[in-house]
């Protein structure tokens, strides 16, 4: 079975404002992912610009089939 990470996040933008996500899921290739790597993955995957601080909460690894090819 594939692995995915489920988590909540908050992103602050350097030009003001922010973005939040709850119960967000992403495919991962290993059994775990660091908060720093996960933050980088979110920013790159969503193609966000002007990103300041990224906070990760309630992270857990789940066994679930990958959704992307």
Protein backbone atom coordinates (compact mmCIF):
# COMPACT_ATOMS: atom_id res chain seq x y z
CA UNK A 1 0.00 0.00 0.00
CA UNK A 2 1.22 3.51 -0.81
CA UNK A 3 1.85 6.14 1.87
CA UNK A 4 0.34 9.60 2.12
CA UNK A 5 0.71 12.34 4.69
CA UNK A 6 -2.34 14.06 6.16
CA UNK A 7 -1.86 17.38 7.95
CA UNK A 8 -3.09 20.87 8.71
CA UNK A 9 -1.05 23.93 7.72
CA UNK A 10 -0.84 27.71 7.91
CA UNK A 11 1.15 29.80 5.45
CA UNK A 12 1.97 33.49 5.91
CA UNK A 13 2.79 35.61 2.89
CA UNK A 14 5.47 38.30 3.00
CA UNK A 15 3.17 40.79 1.28
CA UNK A 16 0.34 40.17 3.77
CA UNK A 17 -2.40 37.59 4.15
CA UNK A 18 -2.20 33.89 4.59
CA UNK A 19 -3.55 30.49 3.67
CA UNK A 20 -4.79 27.62 5.83
CA UNK A 21 -5.56 24.00 5.08
CA UNK A 22 -7.11 21.29 7.21
CA UNK A 23 -6.93 17.57 6.54
CA UNK A 24 -4.75 18.19 3.48
CA UNK A 25 -3.21 15.04 1.94
CA UNK A 26 -0.17 14.55 -0.25
CA UNK A 27 1.50 11.45 -1.68
CA UNK A 28 4.92 10.59 -0.22
CA UNK A 29 7.55 8.07 -1.30
CA UNK A 30 8.93 7.13 2.12
CA UNK A 31 7.57 6.19 5.55
CA UNK A 32 7.91 9.77 6.86
CA UNK A 33 8.58 13.36 5.81
CA UNK A 34 10.05 16.21 7.87
CA UNK A 35 8.00 19.34 8.51
CA UNK A 36 10.57 21.37 6.56
CA UNK A 37 10.40 19.09 3.53
CA UNK A 38 6.61 19.01 3.76
CA UNK A 39 6.45 22.82 3.85
CA UNK A 40 8.70 23.00 0.77
CA UNK A 41 6.54 20.40 -0.99
CA UNK A 42 3.33 22.37 -0.33
CA UNK A 43 4.79 25.67 -1.56
CA UNK A 44 6.22 24.11 -4.73
CA UNK A 45 3.18 21.94 -5.48
CA UNK A 46 0.77 24.86 -5.12
CA UNK A 47 3.21 27.19 -6.93
CA UNK A 48 2.98 29.80 -4.19
CA UNK A 49 5.04 33.00 -4.28
CA UNK A 50 6.02 35.51 -1.58
CA UNK A 51 5.84 32.81 1.12
CA UNK A 52 6.96 33.69 4.63
CA UNK A 53 6.47 31.25 7.48
CA UNK A 54 4.88 27.82 7.00
CA UNK A 55 3.54 25.93 10.02
CA UNK A 56 2.59 22.24 9.99
CA UNK A 57 0.16 20.73 12.53
CA UNK A 58 -1.40 17.33 13.22
CA UNK A 59 0.81 15.47 10.74
CA UNK A 60 0.22 11.75 10.39
CA UNK A 61 1.25 9.15 7.85
CA UNK A 62 -1.57 7.06 6.43
CA UNK A 63 -1.65 4.00 4.20
CA UNK A 64 -3.62 4.98 1.16
CA UNK A 65 -3.20 4.56 -2.57
CA UNK A 66 -1.42 7.46 -4.27
CA UNK A 67 -3.79 9.77 -6.15
CA UNK A 68 -1.31 10.99 -8.76
CA UNK A 69 0.28 8.97 -11.49
